[in-house]
C-alpha cells in the first residue's frame, strides 16, 4: 500500500520519505516542507506518529500535518485521542483505504497547492 501511495503522490508533489522520527525532525529543519504525512503507529520506532507530529510542530509552527492510517479515531485510546486533538496544524485525519485521488485532494487542500 505504501508503494502505491508514494507512486501516486510523486506525480503531484516533491516527496521526502523517512521512516524514523529523528530523521523526520532533521528533514523539517533543513528542507522546505509544506506538509508532514504520518501514520499513527510507526513500527520499529520509539515514537508514534502523534509524538512525531508534536516534535515537528515544535520545530516549525507553520507546518501542516496530515494522518493516513488504518486506525479510525474511535480505535485510539482516550490518551491518544487527546494528544491528537492538541496538534495545532492538523489538517486531516484519513483512514485507509483511501484512493490516491482522494489523498491528493486532501493534501492539496491542506497546503493550498
C-alpha atoms as a PDB file:
ATOM      1  CA  UNK A   1       0.000   0.000   0.000  1.00  0.00           C
ATOM      2  CA  UNK A   2       2.794   2.415   0.870  1.00  0.00           C
ATOM      3  CA  UNK A   3       4.442   1.959  -2.533  1.00  0.00           C
ATOM      4  CA  UNK A   4       1.165   2.645  -4.356  1.00  0.00           C
ATOM      5  CA  UNK A   5       0.599   5.820  -2.352  1.00  0.00           C
ATOM      6  CA  UNK A   6       4.156   7.035  -2.875  1.00  0.00           C
ATOM      7  CA  UNK A   7       3.962   6.359  -6.607  1.00  0.00           C
ATOM      8  CA  UNK A   8       0.737   8.361  -6.920  1.00  0.00           C
ATOM      9  CA  UNK A   9       1.980  11.238  -4.784  1.00  0.00           C
ATOM     10  CA  UNK A  10       5.300  11.537  -6.663  1.00  0.00           C
ATOM     11  CA  UNK A  11       3.377  12.619  -9.757  1.00  0.00           C
ATOM     12  CA  UNK A  12       1.927  15.632  -7.916  1.00  0.00           C
ATOM     13  CA  UNK A  13       4.356  16.555  -5.149  1.00  0.00           C
ATOM     14  CA  UNK A  14       8.042  16.596  -4.297  1.00  0.00           C
ATOM     15  CA  UNK A  15       8.435  13.941  -1.614  1.00  0.00           C
ATOM     16  CA  UNK A  16      10.899  13.368   1.177  1.00  0.00           C
ATOM     17  CA  UNK A  17      10.341   9.956   2.730  1.00  0.00           C
ATOM     18  CA  UNK A  18      11.605   8.933   6.149  1.00  0.00           C
ATOM     19  CA  UNK A  19      10.860   6.008   8.396  1.00  0.00           C
ATOM     20  CA  UNK A  20      12.260   7.281  11.698  1.00  0.00           C
ATOM     21  CA  UNK A  21      11.124  10.123  13.956  1.00  0.00           C
ATOM     22  CA  UNK A  22      14.588  11.637  14.346  1.00  0.00           C
ATOM     23  CA  UNK A  23      15.102  11.679  10.597  1.00  0.00           C
ATOM     24  CA  UNK A  24      11.760  13.430  10.058  1.00  0.00           C
ATOM     25  CA  UNK A  25      12.620  16.136  12.587  1.00  0.00           C
ATOM     26  CA  UNK A  26      16.022  16.608  10.952  1.00  0.00           C
ATOM     27  CA  UNK A  27      14.435  16.981   7.493  1.00  0.00           C
ATOM     28  CA  UNK A  28      11.979  19.583   8.792  1.00  0.00           C
ATOM     29  CA  UNK A  29      14.912  21.695   9.966  1.00  0.00           C
ATOM     30  CA  UNK A  30      16.800  21.564   6.666  1.00  0.00           C
ATOM     31  CA  UNK A  31      14.266  21.075   3.851  1.00  0.00           C
ATOM     32  CA  UNK A  32      11.388  23.183   2.542  1.00  0.00           C
ATOM     33  CA  UNK A  33       8.399  21.037   3.526  1.00  0.00           C
ATOM     34  CA  UNK A  34       4.741  22.081   3.441  1.00  0.00           C
ATOM     35  CA  UNK A  35       3.089  19.012   4.956  1.00  0.00           C
ATOM     36  CA  UNK A  36       4.089  16.002   7.021  1.00  0.00           C
ATOM     37  CA  UNK A  37       2.011  12.914   6.234  1.00  0.00           C
ATOM     38  CA  UNK A  38       2.167  10.496   9.143  1.00  0.00           C
ATOM     39  CA  UNK A  39       0.706   7.241  10.392  1.00  0.00           C
ATOM     40  CA  UNK A  40      -0.485   6.931  13.979  1.00  0.00           C
ATOM     41  CA  UNK A  41       1.694   3.906  14.662  1.00  0.00           C
ATOM     42  CA  UNK A  42       5.259   3.697  13.394  1.00  0.00           C
ATOM     43  CA  UNK A  43       6.525   0.114  13.609  1.00  0.00           C
ATOM     44  CA  UNK A  44      10.043  -0.207  14.887  1.00  0.00           C
ATOM     45  CA  UNK A  45      10.299   3.397  16.048  1.00  0.00           C
ATOM     46  CA  UNK A  46      10.452   4.639  19.616  1.00  0.00           C
ATOM     47  CA  UNK A  47       7.910   7.389  18.899  1.00  0.00           C
ATOM     48  CA  UNK A  48       4.410   7.117  17.489  1.00  0.00           C
ATOM     49  CA  UNK A  49       3.074   9.390  14.751  1.00  0.00           C
ATOM     50  CA  UNK A  50       1.291  11.636  17.232  1.00  0.00           C
ATOM     51  CA  UNK A  51       4.543  12.251  19.129  1.00  0.00           C
ATOM     52  CA  UNK A  52       6.325  12.923  15.830  1.00  0.00           C
ATOM     53  CA  UNK A  53       3.656  15.488  14.906  1.00  0.00           C
ATOM     54  CA  UNK A  54       4.255  17.320  18.192  1.00  0.00           C
ATOM     55  CA  UNK A  55       8.045  17.210  17.648  1.00  0.00           C
ATOM     56  CA  UNK A  56       7.629  18.605  14.138  1.00  0.00           C
ATOM     57  CA  UNK A  57       5.356  21.415  15.316  1.00  0.00           C
ATOM     58  CA  UNK A  58       7.980  22.437  17.883  1.00  0.00           C
ATOM     59  CA  UNK A  59      10.444  22.874  15.022  1.00  0.00           C
ATOM     60  CA  UNK A  60       8.040  24.507  12.573  1.00  0.00           C
ATOM     61  CA  UNK A  61       4.809  26.093  13.773  1.00  0.00           C
ATOM     62  CA  UNK A  62       3.701  26.673  10.158  1.00  0.00           C
ATOM     63  CA  UNK A  63       3.942  23.023   9.117  1.00  0.00           C
ATOM     64  CA  UNK A  64       0.691  21.315   8.102  1.00  0.00           C
ATOM     65  CA  UNK A  65       0.137  17.820   9.487  1.00  0.00           C
ATOM     66  CA  UNK A  66      -1.935  15.022   7.950  1.00  0.00           C
ATOM     67  CA  UNK A  67      -2.514  11.440   9.010  1.00  0.00           C
ATOM     68  CA  UNK A  68      -3.170   8.455   6.784  1.00  0.00           C
ATOM     69  CA  UNK A  69      -3.722   5.427   8.966  1.00  0.00           C
ATOM     70  CA  UNK A  70      -5.559   2.139   9.309  1.00  0.00           C
ATOM     71  CA  UNK A  71      -6.841   3.193  12.733  1.00  0.00           C
ATOM     72  CA  UNK A  72     -10.163   5.054  12.977  1.00  0.00           C
ATOM     73  CA  UNK A  73     -10.160   7.659  15.767  1.00  0.00           C
ATOM     74  CA  UNK A  74     -12.555   5.592  17.880  1.00  0.00           C
ATOM     75  CA  UNK A  75      -9.996   2.759  17.985  1.00  0.00           C
ATOM     76  CA  UNK A  76      -7.403   5.012  19.623  1.00  0.00           C
ATOM     77  CA  UNK A  77      -7.092   5.215  23.380  1.00  0.00           C
ATOM     78  CA  UNK A  78      -8.523   8.252  25.165  1.00  0.00           C
ATOM     79  CA  UNK A  79      -4.960   9.437  25.784  1.00  0.00           C
ATOM     80  CA  UNK A  80      -4.051   9.102  22.097  1.00  0.00           C
ATOM     81  CA  UNK A  81      -7.199  10.994  21.025  1.00  0.00           C
ATOM     82  CA  UNK A  82      -6.382  13.779  23.473  1.00  0.00           C
ATOM     83  CA  UNK A  83      -2.792  14.017  22.212  1.00  0.00           C
ATOM     84  CA  UNK A  84      -4.122  14.068  18.641  1.00  0.00           C
ATOM     85  CA  UNK A  85      -6.502  16.917  19.495  1.00  0.00           C
ATOM     86  CA  UNK A  86      -3.543  19.040  20.640  1.00  0.00           C
ATOM     87  CA  UNK A  87      -1.865  19.024  17.223  1.00  0.00           C
ATOM     88  CA  UNK A  88      -2.386  22.652  16.212  1.00  0.00           C
ATOM     89  CA  UNK A  89      -1.853  22.281  12.488  1.00  0.00           C
ATOM     90  CA  UNK A  90      -3.709  19.004  11.951  1.00  0.00           C
ATOM     91  CA  UNK A  91      -5.316  19.422   8.525  1.00  0.00           C
ATOM     92  CA  UNK A  92      -6.757  15.947   8.037  1.00  0.00           C
ATOM     93  CA  UNK A  93      -7.020  12.500   9.559  1.00  0.00           C
ATOM     94  CA  UNK A  94      -7.848   9.880   6.935  1.00  0.00           C
ATOM     95  CA  UNK A  95      -8.484   6.212   7.431  1.00  0.00           C
ATOM     96  CA  UNK A  96      -7.254   3.684   4.864  1.00  0.00           C
ATOM     97  CA  UNK A  97      -8.246   2.531   2.380  1.00  0.00           C
ATOM     98  CA  UNK A  98      -8.168   5.807   0.542  1.00  0.00           C
ATOM     99  CA  UNK A  99      -7.821   6.249  -3.187  1.00  0.00           C
ATOM    100  CA  UNK A 100      -4.755   8.156  -4.340  1.00  0.00           C
ATOM    101  CA  UNK A 101      -7.063  10.765  -5.880  1.00  0.00           C
ATOM    102  CA  UNK A 102      -8.806  11.361  -2.530  1.00  0.00           C
ATOM    103  CA  UNK A 103      -5.479  11.676  -0.722  1.00  0.00           C
ATOM    104  CA  UNK A 104      -4.069  14.042  -3.345  1.00  0.00           C
ATOM    105  CA  UNK A 105      -7.121  16.292  -2.991  1.00  0.00           C
ATOM    106  CA  UNK A 106      -6.762  16.346   0.803  1.00  0.00           C
ATOM    107  CA  UNK A 107      -3.087  17.250   0.550  1.00  0.00           C
ATOM    108  CA  UNK A 108      -3.781  19.988  -1.983  1.00  0.00           C
ATOM    109  CA  UNK A 109      -6.470  21.390   0.296  1.00  0.00           C
ATOM    110  CA  UNK A 110      -4.160  21.281   3.312  1.00  0.00           C
ATOM    111  CA  UNK A 111      -1.308  23.008   1.501  1.00  0.00           C
ATOM    112  CA  UNK A 112      -3.287  25.326  -0.767  1.00  0.00           C
ATOM    113  CA  UNK A 113      -1.481  23.720  -3.724  1.00  0.00           C
END
